[in-house]
């Protein structure tokens, strides 16, 4: 099968009978089997996907197919898909079968997308390398000794290795944008509340966003157009009208943007030199195309990571208390009473990284430290958001690295959690502030590893963000 630049090209051939949905599914299934060593999939729904493809082919033939007819999609193992396994890549949810569809999943199905399987990830979406899964690490298809990023590493590799066209992930502190950068694909984190979180396994509820991986901006825009919008099941989701994101990309634009970027003093420490070169080259191309660029000092940048990890772990401590072995999932057989059963179940079922974050969160929420840590972090988060909004009053976007390095080696940072957390240095800003961000590929380093840069925009400006990202990819 030939390589398709966009899903629009696929739909053109589907409409004219050049290919079928069955051909597409078989193509991706072959790649999944040939690249099983990458460990990107935890479940593959082969028979179901092929049967679904037959149904969608008939709909296309009769002219009543949905917007996503023929789109082969994979789901990160934190999204509820009715009557399918859902484990958040954790032992503690062994044997759990989802009882309903997440809103985003249901909307994909309603538009005739074909779900091919569920992707491996860091346990409960906690990690920056996909090494924390109970099912083993995911390998980067470009270099099998390298991580794919996390926590949505399996989702990123599934798209990178052509095992599906689109994958849905989740982004709590960069878990879509950083893996997209490491794998050389596009990764979008929408504005917080743009997409319903109903059916998303909770890590940190005020940060979690369902994000989208694809090989081009146009495909990502189309999927966002379908899954975004109001939802009666989620009281936190926005009721703002959803623009026709994909359609707007087709309209030629002569708009010139004002782009802010971080001054060298704020990104020098720990930034891989090739990423700085890629950033400078991109800024030069933007200037040559008539866009205005200006260096800024991002306020409170030193507080992004501490604020994120205090608040996210606090929310994780609360959210993960529901996993106790009583109602579903793993239950330790070594407990002698209810209390010991709780302790042993959680000790057996949660990995060390998840336990570490639960303990950190419980500590900052304790009566002795609540005011000193949690309350102060909430105040700092508000200041960070306000300062970010002030920047967007003067600029259309902030351009910065998606990660301080390209994909690092498996095991390189596992001995030092702080080193691993620093991989989120540039990505947590958008989550703390609640604004949308997108990572796009911008060349490779000297070892051939992809470099990703991210654009961040103001609340609900995904339409402008996607247009700019598409323009930038065409500049490369």
Protein backbone atom coordinates (compact mmCIF):
# COMPACT_ATOMS: atom_id res chain seq x y z
CA UNK A 1 0.00 0.00 0.00
CA UNK A 2 1.29 3.44 -0.87
CA UNK A 3 2.07 5.98 1.81
CA UNK A 4 -0.62 8.63 2.30
CA UNK A 5 0.26 12.18 3.31
CA UNK A 6 -3.18 12.92 4.76
CA UNK A 7 -6.35 11.11 5.73
CA UNK A 8 -8.09 13.23 3.09
CA UNK A 9 -6.05 11.36 0.46
CA UNK A 10 -7.14 8.05 1.98
CA UNK A 11 -10.78 9.05 1.86
CA UNK A 12 -10.40 10.08 -1.79
CA UNK A 13 -9.20 6.59 -2.68
CA UNK A 14 -11.85 4.95 -0.52
CA UNK A 15 -14.56 6.90 -2.30
CA UNK A 16 -13.22 5.93 -5.72
CA UNK A 17 -12.71 2.27 -4.82
CA UNK A 18 -8.93 2.30 -5.18
CA UNK A 19 -8.60 0.86 -1.69
CA UNK A 20 -10.97 -0.41 0.97
CA UNK A 21 -11.17 -0.09 4.74
CA UNK A 22 -10.30 -3.78 4.88
CA UNK A 23 -7.09 -3.07 2.99
CA UNK A 24 -6.20 -0.32 5.46
CA UNK A 25 -6.87 -2.47 8.52
CA UNK A 26 -4.89 -5.39 7.07
CA UNK A 27 -1.99 -3.05 6.32
CA UNK A 28 -1.86 -1.79 9.89
CA UNK A 29 -2.33 -5.29 11.33
CA UNK A 30 0.65 -6.50 9.30
CA UNK A 31 2.77 -3.68 10.71
CA UNK A 32 1.60 -4.45 14.25
CA UNK A 33 2.65 -8.09 13.83
CA UNK A 34 5.96 -7.26 12.17
CA UNK A 35 6.83 -4.73 14.86
CA UNK A 36 5.45 -6.51 17.90
CA UNK A 37 8.89 -6.23 19.52
CA UNK A 38 8.27 -2.48 20.00
CA UNK A 39 5.64 -3.42 22.64
CA UNK A 40 3.36 -0.56 21.57
CA UNK A 41 0.12 -2.58 21.83
CA UNK A 42 -1.32 -4.41 24.83
CA UNK A 43 -4.36 -5.66 22.91
CA UNK A 44 -5.02 -5.91 19.19
CA UNK A 45 -8.66 -6.20 18.11
CA UNK A 46 -7.94 -7.96 14.82
CA UNK A 47 -11.25 -9.74 14.15
CA UNK A 48 -13.30 -6.85 15.45
CA UNK A 49 -11.42 -4.27 13.38
CA UNK A 50 -11.79 -6.34 10.21
CA UNK A 51 -15.51 -6.81 10.82
CA UNK A 52 -15.88 -3.10 11.45
CA UNK A 53 -13.99 -2.39 8.22
CA UNK A 54 -16.54 -4.45 6.26
CA UNK A 55 -19.37 -2.41 7.80
CA UNK A 56 -17.71 0.91 7.01
CA UNK A 57 -16.93 -0.18 3.44
CA UNK A 58 -20.64 -0.77 2.96
CA UNK A 59 -21.47 2.65 4.36
CA UNK A 60 -18.99 4.27 1.99
CA UNK A 61 -20.52 2.34 -0.91
CA UNK A 62 -24.00 3.57 -0.01
CA UNK A 63 -22.88 7.16 0.63
CA UNK A 64 -23.82 7.35 4.31
CA UNK A 65 -20.43 7.01 5.99
CA UNK A 66 -19.24 9.29 8.78
CA UNK A 67 -16.50 11.91 8.68
CA UNK A 68 -13.86 9.46 9.89
CA UNK A 69 -14.79 6.47 7.74
CA UNK A 70 -11.61 4.51 7.17
CA UNK A 71 -9.60 6.15 9.95
CA UNK A 72 -7.76 3.44 11.89
CA UNK A 73 -7.31 4.52 15.51
CA UNK A 74 -5.57 3.13 18.59
CA UNK A 75 -6.35 4.10 22.18
CA UNK A 76 -3.98 4.68 25.06
CA UNK A 77 -4.70 2.24 27.86
CA UNK A 78 -6.37 4.94 29.96
CA UNK A 79 -9.44 5.41 27.76
CA UNK A 80 -12.58 3.43 28.42
CA UNK A 81 -13.73 1.30 25.47
CA UNK A 82 -16.82 -0.71 26.32
CA UNK A 83 -16.33 -4.49 26.67
CA UNK A 84 -12.55 -4.17 26.18
CA UNK A 85 -9.71 -4.40 28.72
CA UNK A 86 -8.76 -1.21 30.57
CA UNK A 87 -5.74 -1.42 32.88
CA UNK A 88 -3.83 1.89 32.75
CA UNK A 89 -0.84 -0.43 32.20
CA UNK A 90 -1.05 -1.45 35.86
CA UNK A 91 -1.26 -4.77 37.68
CA UNK A 92 -3.83 -3.32 40.04
CA UNK A 93 -6.45 -3.36 37.26
CA UNK A 94 -5.76 -6.93 36.17
CA UNK A 95 -8.83 -8.38 34.48
CA UNK A 96 -10.83 -5.15 34.45
CA UNK A 97 -13.19 -4.74 31.47
CA UNK A 98 -14.53 -1.28 30.62
CA UNK A 99 -18.27 -0.86 31.16
CA UNK A 100 -18.82 2.11 28.86
CA UNK A 101 -17.20 4.20 26.13
CA UNK A 102 -15.33 7.38 26.92
CA UNK A 103 -17.02 10.32 25.22
CA UNK A 104 -14.04 10.83 22.89
CA UNK A 105 -14.11 7.14 21.95
CA UNK A 106 -17.86 7.16 21.34
CA UNK A 107 -17.57 10.20 19.08
CA UNK A 108 -14.89 8.46 17.02
CA UNK A 109 -17.11 5.41 16.64
CA UNK A 110 -20.12 7.54 15.74
CA UNK A 111 -18.15 8.92 12.78
CA UNK A 112 -17.10 5.43 11.64
CA UNK A 113 -13.52 5.34 12.86
CA UNK A 114 -12.09 1.83 13.29
CA UNK A 115 -10.42 1.06 16.63
CA UNK A 116 -7.59 -1.44 16.18
CA UNK A 117 -6.29 -1.86 19.74
CA UNK A 118 -5.06 -0.35 22.99
CA UNK A 119 -1.59 1.09 23.49
CA UNK A 120 0.98 0.53 26.21
CA UNK A 121 1.81 3.52 28.45
CA UNK A 122 3.45 4.49 31.71
CA UNK A 123 1.38 3.14 34.58
CA UNK A 124 -1.53 5.49 35.31
CA UNK A 125 0.11 7.92 32.84
CA UNK A 126 2.91 8.61 35.31
CA UNK A 127 6.21 8.84 33.50
CA UNK A 128 8.29 10.48 30.80
CA UNK A 129 9.75 7.43 29.09
CA UNK A 130 7.18 4.61 29.00
CA UNK A 131 9.48 2.52 31.20
CA UNK A 132 6.98 2.39 34.09
CA UNK A 133 4.44 0.09 32.44
CA UNK A 134 3.63 -3.18 34.18
CA UNK A 135 3.94 -4.73 30.71
CA UNK A 136 7.46 -3.58 29.99
CA UNK A 137 8.91 -0.59 28.15
CA UNK A 138 7.96 0.57 24.67
CA UNK A 139 10.83 0.90 22.18
CA UNK A 140 11.38 3.83 19.84
CA UNK A 141 11.09 2.56 16.25
CA UNK A 142 13.95 4.79 15.09
CA UNK A 143 16.41 3.38 17.64
CA UNK A 144 15.38 0.42 19.77
CA UNK A 145 17.82 1.39 22.51
CA UNK A 146 15.91 4.65 23.02
CA UNK A 147 12.70 5.51 24.83
CA UNK A 148 9.70 6.81 22.89
CA UNK A 149 8.84 9.33 25.60
CA UNK A 150 5.97 9.09 28.00
CA UNK A 151 3.55 8.58 29.32
CA UNK A 152 1.83 8.01 25.94
CA UNK A 153 4.83 6.24 24.42
CA UNK A 154 2.87 3.32 22.98
CA UNK A 155 0.45 5.68 21.27
CA UNK A 156 3.29 7.69 19.74
CA UNK A 157 5.13 4.60 18.48
CA UNK A 158 1.91 3.14 17.05
CA UNK A 159 1.60 6.19 14.78
CA UNK A 160 5.36 6.47 14.19
CA UNK A 161 5.57 2.83 13.03
CA UNK A 162 2.39 3.02 10.89
CA UNK A 163 0.46 0.64 13.12
CA UNK A 164 -2.50 3.02 12.97
CA UNK A 165 -3.26 6.41 11.43
CA UNK A 166 -4.23 8.19 14.66
CA UNK A 167 -3.88 7.39 18.33
CA UNK A 168 -5.51 9.08 21.28
CA UNK A 169 -3.29 9.68 24.30
CA UNK A 170 -3.50 11.75 27.44
CA UNK A 171 -1.42 14.79 28.36
CA UNK A 172 -1.09 15.68 32.05
CA UNK A 173 2.37 17.26 32.00
CA UNK A 174 3.49 16.77 28.40
CA UNK A 175 2.57 13.13 27.84
CA UNK A 176 1.47 13.72 24.25
CA UNK A 177 3.84 16.46 23.14
CA UNK A 178 7.07 14.96 24.50
CA UNK A 179 6.55 11.48 22.94
CA UNK A 180 5.52 13.16 19.68
CA UNK A 181 8.82 15.04 19.73
CA UNK A 182 10.83 11.88 20.49
CA UNK A 183 9.08 9.95 17.70
CA UNK A 184 9.04 12.64 15.00
CA UNK A 185 5.26 13.03 14.70
CA UNK A 186 2.58 15.61 15.56
CA UNK A 187 1.10 15.68 19.08
CA UNK A 188 -1.67 18.03 20.25
CA UNK A 189 -2.73 18.88 23.79
CA UNK A 190 -5.98 20.90 23.58
CA UNK A 191 -7.09 23.59 26.00
CA UNK A 192 -8.12 22.09 29.33
CA UNK A 193 -11.89 21.42 29.04
CA UNK A 194 -11.91 21.47 25.22
CA UNK A 195 -12.36 17.67 25.14
CA UNK A 196 -14.48 15.75 27.64
CA UNK A 197 -12.55 13.69 30.20
CA UNK A 198 -15.48 11.31 30.70
CA UNK A 199 -14.04 7.82 30.46
CA UNK A 200 -10.42 8.89 30.96
CA UNK A 201 -8.70 7.16 33.89
CA UNK A 202 -7.85 10.01 36.24
CA UNK A 203 -4.28 10.86 37.20
CA UNK A 204 -4.47 14.58 38.06
CA UNK A 205 -7.94 15.80 37.24
CA UNK A 206 -7.20 19.51 36.90
CA UNK A 207 -4.34 18.79 34.46
CA UNK A 208 -5.48 15.75 32.44
CA UNK A 209 -6.31 16.31 28.76
CA UNK A 210 -7.08 13.83 25.99
CA UNK A 211 -4.60 14.50 23.20
CA UNK A 212 -4.10 13.37 19.61
CA UNK A 213 -1.16 11.84 17.74
CA UNK A 214 -0.89 11.93 13.96
CA UNK A 215 1.58 12.27 11.13
CA UNK A 216 0.15 15.56 9.88
CA UNK A 217 -1.63 18.55 11.37
CA UNK A 218 -4.65 18.17 9.10
CA UNK A 219 -5.49 14.70 10.45
CA UNK A 220 -5.13 15.89 14.05
CA UNK A 221 -7.39 18.86 13.32
CA UNK A 222 -10.11 16.63 11.90
CA UNK A 223 -10.08 14.32 14.92
CA UNK A 224 -10.18 17.26 17.34
CA UNK A 225 -13.16 18.62 15.41
CA UNK A 226 -14.99 15.34 16.08
CA UNK A 227 -14.11 14.65 19.72
CA UNK A 228 -14.24 18.22 21.15
CA UNK A 229 -17.27 19.95 22.59
CA UNK A 230 -19.87 19.92 25.34
CA UNK A 231 -20.74 16.71 27.15
CA UNK A 232 -23.45 16.12 29.72
CA UNK A 233 -21.24 13.49 31.39
CA UNK A 234 -18.46 15.97 32.22
CA UNK A 235 -19.31 19.08 34.24
CA UNK A 236 -15.86 20.56 33.61
CA UNK A 237 -16.00 20.48 29.81
CA UNK A 238 -16.44 23.72 27.89
CA UNK A 239 -19.67 24.49 26.06
CA UNK A 240 -17.92 26.76 23.57
CA UNK A 241 -18.70 26.10 19.91
CA UNK A 242 -16.26 23.75 18.19
CA UNK A 243 -14.79 25.34 15.04
CA UNK A 244 -14.32 23.38 11.81
CA UNK A 245 -10.60 23.00 12.48
CA UNK A 246 -9.76 20.88 9.42
CA UNK A 247 -11.78 23.03 7.04
CA UNK A 248 -9.96 26.16 8.16
CA UNK A 249 -6.62 24.59 7.21
CA UNK A 250 -7.80 24.26 3.63
CA UNK A 251 -8.36 28.01 3.34
CA UNK A 252 -5.24 29.94 2.28
CA UNK A 253 -4.08 32.40 4.91
CA UNK A 254 -1.85 35.44 4.61
CA UNK A 255 -1.94 36.17 8.33
CA UNK A 256 1.37 37.15 9.91
CA UNK A 257 1.92 36.10 13.51
CA UNK A 258 3.73 37.55 16.48
CA UNK A 259 5.76 34.73 18.00
CA UNK A 260 7.50 34.92 21.38
CA UNK A 261 10.40 32.63 22.18
CA UNK A 262 12.45 32.09 25.30
CA UNK A 263 15.63 34.09 25.67
CA UNK A 264 18.82 32.03 25.68
CA UNK A 265 19.36 32.59 29.39
CA UNK A 266 16.17 30.66 30.18
CA UNK A 267 16.84 27.60 28.03
CA UNK A 268 20.63 27.30 28.02
CA UNK A 269 21.00 24.93 30.97
CA UNK A 270 20.53 21.33 29.90
CA UNK A 271 19.25 22.07 26.40
CA UNK A 272 20.77 19.82 23.75
CA UNK A 273 22.71 22.01 21.26
CA UNK A 274 20.98 20.57 18.17
CA UNK A 275 17.58 21.53 19.60
CA UNK A 276 18.77 25.12 20.09
CA UNK A 277 19.99 25.10 16.48
CA UNK A 278 16.64 23.80 15.26
CA UNK A 279 14.83 26.49 17.26
CA UNK A 280 17.06 29.25 15.85
CA UNK A 281 16.60 27.94 12.30
CA UNK A 282 12.82 27.84 12.71
CA UNK A 283 12.78 31.41 14.02
CA UNK A 284 14.86 32.52 11.05
CA UNK A 285 12.45 30.88 8.60
CA UNK A 286 9.51 32.52 10.37
CA UNK A 287 11.17 35.91 10.06
CA UNK A 288 11.92 35.32 6.39
CA UNK A 289 8.24 34.49 5.85
CA UNK A 290 7.23 37.85 7.33
CA UNK A 291 6.31 36.81 10.86
CA UNK A 292 7.50 38.81 13.86
CA UNK A 293 9.57 37.05 16.50
CA UNK A 294 10.74 38.39 19.84
CA UNK A 295 12.66 36.90 22.76
CA UNK A 296 11.03 37.03 26.18
CA UNK A 297 11.76 35.95 29.72
CA UNK A 298 8.97 33.60 30.70
CA UNK A 299 7.85 34.61 34.22
CA UNK A 300 8.25 32.05 37.01
CA UNK A 301 9.77 29.41 34.74
CA UNK A 302 11.72 27.99 37.70
CA UNK A 303 8.41 27.27 39.45
CA UNK A 304 6.73 25.32 36.62
CA UNK A 305 8.03 21.88 37.59
CA UNK A 306 7.66 22.25 41.40
CA UNK A 307 4.14 23.60 41.01
CA UNK A 308 3.18 20.81 38.66
CA UNK A 309 4.62 17.98 40.73
CA UNK A 310 3.14 19.23 44.00
CA UNK A 311 -0.36 19.61 42.60
CA UNK A 312 -0.33 16.60 40.26
CA UNK A 313 0.88 14.21 42.95
CA UNK A 314 -1.68 15.59 45.40
CA UNK A 315 -4.46 14.90 42.92
CA UNK A 316 -3.01 11.48 42.15
CA UNK A 317 -3.04 10.60 45.84
CA UNK A 318 -6.75 11.39 45.94
CA UNK A 319 -7.68 9.79 42.61
CA UNK A 320 -5.81 6.53 43.14
CA UNK A 321 -7.30 5.88 46.58
CA UNK A 322 -10.18 4.13 44.78
CA UNK A 323 -7.91 1.20 43.88
CA UNK A 324 -8.16 -0.90 47.02
CA UNK A 325 -8.82 -4.46 45.84
CA UNK A 326 -12.38 -4.46 47.15
CA UNK A 327 -14.53 -3.78 44.12
CA UNK A 328 -12.47 -4.61 41.03
CA UNK A 329 -9.00 -5.38 39.76
CA UNK A 330 -6.18 -7.06 41.64
CA UNK A 331 -6.68 -8.19 45.24
CA UNK A 332 -3.85 -9.55 47.35
CA UNK A 333 -4.46 -13.03 48.75
CA UNK A 334 -2.05 -12.41 51.60
CA UNK A 335 -4.16 -10.02 53.64
CA UNK A 336 -5.24 -11.12 57.10
CA UNK A 337 -7.80 -8.36 57.59
CA UNK A 338 -9.25 -5.45 55.63
CA UNK A 339 -6.44 -3.06 56.49
CA UNK A 340 -3.65 -5.45 55.54
CA UNK A 341 -5.51 -6.39 52.34
CA UNK A 342 -5.53 -2.72 51.32
CA UNK A 343 -1.81 -2.37 52.03
CA UNK A 344 -0.73 -5.57 50.33
CA UNK A 345 -2.96 -5.01 47.31
CA UNK A 346 -1.53 -1.57 46.72
CA UNK A 347 2.03 -2.70 47.40
CA UNK A 348 1.65 -5.54 44.89
CA UNK A 349 -0.43 -3.66 42.32
CA UNK A 350 1.25 -0.25 42.09
CA UNK A 351 4.75 0.20 40.67
CA UNK A 352 7.45 2.04 42.57
CA UNK A 353 6.94 5.22 40.54
CA UNK A 354 3.19 5.28 41.20
CA UNK A 355 3.81 4.59 44.88
CA UNK A 356 6.35 7.42 44.96
CA UNK A 357 3.84 9.91 43.53
CA UNK A 358 1.07 8.76 45.85
CA UNK A 359 3.38 9.20 48.84
CA UNK A 360 4.48 12.65 47.66
CA UNK A 361 0.88 13.70 47.15
CA UNK A 362 -0.23 12.34 50.51
CA UNK A 363 2.63 14.23 52.15
CA UNK A 364 1.74 17.62 50.63
CA UNK A 365 -1.93 17.10 51.52
CA UNK A 366 -1.21 16.20 55.15
CA UNK A 367 -2.41 18.62 57.79
CA UNK A 368 1.12 19.66 58.72
CA UNK A 369 2.17 20.57 55.18
CA UNK A 370 -1.06 21.43 53.32
CA UNK A 371 -0.65 25.20 53.72
CA UNK A 372 3.10 25.17 53.14
CA UNK A 373 2.97 23.18 49.90
CA UNK A 374 -0.44 22.52 48.35
CA UNK A 375 -2.03 25.90 49.08
CA UNK A 376 1.06 27.79 48.00
CA UNK A 377 1.34 25.78 44.79
CA UNK A 378 -2.27 26.61 43.93
CA UNK A 379 -1.51 30.30 44.34
CA UNK A 380 1.60 30.03 42.18
CA UNK A 381 -0.39 28.18 39.53
CA UNK A 382 -2.85 31.06 39.34
CA UNK A 383 0.01 33.56 38.98
CA UNK A 384 1.60 31.44 36.23
CA UNK A 385 -1.69 31.33 34.35
CA UNK A 386 -2.21 35.08 34.71
CA UNK A 387 1.32 35.84 33.53
CA UNK A 388 0.86 33.48 30.58
CA UNK A 389 -2.38 35.23 29.62
CA UNK A 390 -0.53 38.56 29.71
CA UNK A 391 1.95 37.22 27.17
CA UNK A 392 -0.87 36.17 24.86
CA UNK A 393 -2.28 39.69 25.03
CA UNK A 394 0.88 40.74 23.11
CA UNK A 395 1.80 37.63 21.12
CA UNK A 396 -0.04 34.95 19.15
CA UNK A 397 2.18 32.08 20.30
CA UNK A 398 5.08 31.02 22.44
CA UNK A 399 7.60 28.82 20.60
CA UNK A 400 9.86 26.60 22.68
CA UNK A 401 11.41 23.13 22.69
CA UNK A 402 9.03 20.27 23.41
CA UNK A 403 11.76 18.61 25.50
CA UNK A 404 15.30 19.55 26.54
CA UNK A 405 16.82 16.56 24.71
CA UNK A 406 15.99 14.10 21.98
CA UNK A 407 15.05 10.52 22.94
CA UNK A 408 17.38 9.27 25.66
CA UNK A 409 18.50 5.70 26.16
CA UNK A 410 16.36 3.16 28.01
CA UNK A 411 17.47 3.06 31.64
CA UNK A 412 19.44 6.29 31.40
CA UNK A 413 17.36 8.21 33.95
CA UNK A 414 15.58 5.48 35.90
CA UNK A 415 18.00 5.62 38.85
CA UNK A 416 17.34 9.32 39.45
CA UNK A 417 13.68 10.44 39.50
CA UNK A 418 14.70 14.11 39.41
CA UNK A 419 16.53 13.61 36.12
CA UNK A 420 13.43 11.95 34.72
CA UNK A 421 11.15 14.73 35.93
CA UNK A 422 13.39 17.29 34.22
CA UNK A 423 12.37 15.76 30.89
CA UNK A 424 9.07 17.64 31.46
CA UNK A 425 10.83 20.99 31.85
CA UNK A 426 9.23 22.69 28.84
CA UNK A 427 6.04 20.69 28.51
CA UNK A 428 4.42 21.24 31.94
CA UNK A 429 3.86 24.96 31.31
CA UNK A 430 0.84 24.41 29.07
CA UNK A 431 -0.73 22.06 31.63
CA UNK A 432 -0.14 24.35 34.60
CA UNK A 433 -1.62 27.27 32.66
CA UNK A 434 -4.37 25.16 31.05
CA UNK A 435 -3.61 26.38 27.52
CA UNK A 436 -3.25 24.37 24.29
CA UNK A 437 0.07 23.22 22.86
CA UNK A 438 1.25 21.26 19.86
CA UNK A 439 4.55 19.53 19.11
CA UNK A 440 5.71 19.31 15.52
CA UNK A 441 8.80 17.63 14.06
CA UNK A 442 11.66 20.00 13.19
CA UNK A 443 14.52 17.93 11.82
CA UNK A 444 16.91 15.52 13.51
CA UNK A 445 19.99 15.61 15.70
CA UNK A 446 23.41 14.29 14.68
CA UNK A 447 22.35 10.74 15.64
CA UNK A 448 19.26 10.87 13.44
CA UNK A 449 16.86 11.25 16.36
CA UNK A 450 13.82 13.52 15.83
CA UNK A 451 13.67 17.02 17.26
CA UNK A 452 10.30 18.44 18.26
CA UNK A 453 9.36 22.07 18.85
CA UNK A 454 6.12 23.15 20.46
CA UNK A 455 3.81 26.08 19.92
CA UNK A 456 1.60 27.23 22.79
CA UNK A 457 -1.45 29.46 22.29
CA UNK A 458 -4.13 31.11 24.39
CA UNK A 459 -7.27 29.37 25.62
CA UNK A 460 -9.44 27.83 22.88
CA UNK A 461 -7.23 29.11 20.07
CA UNK A 462 -6.66 25.65 18.61
CA UNK A 463 -7.84 26.84 15.20
CA UNK A 464 -5.06 29.42 15.03
CA UNK A 465 -2.59 27.03 16.67
CA UNK A 466 -3.23 24.28 14.13
CA UNK A 467 -2.98 26.72 11.23
CA UNK A 468 0.35 28.02 12.48
CA UNK A 469 1.70 24.52 13.12
CA UNK A 470 0.69 23.50 9.61
CA UNK A 471 2.40 26.57 8.19
CA UNK A 472 5.57 25.83 10.15
CA UNK A 473 5.72 22.25 8.94
CA UNK A 474 5.49 23.51 5.37
CA UNK A 475 8.35 25.95 6.07
CA UNK A 476 10.68 23.07 7.02
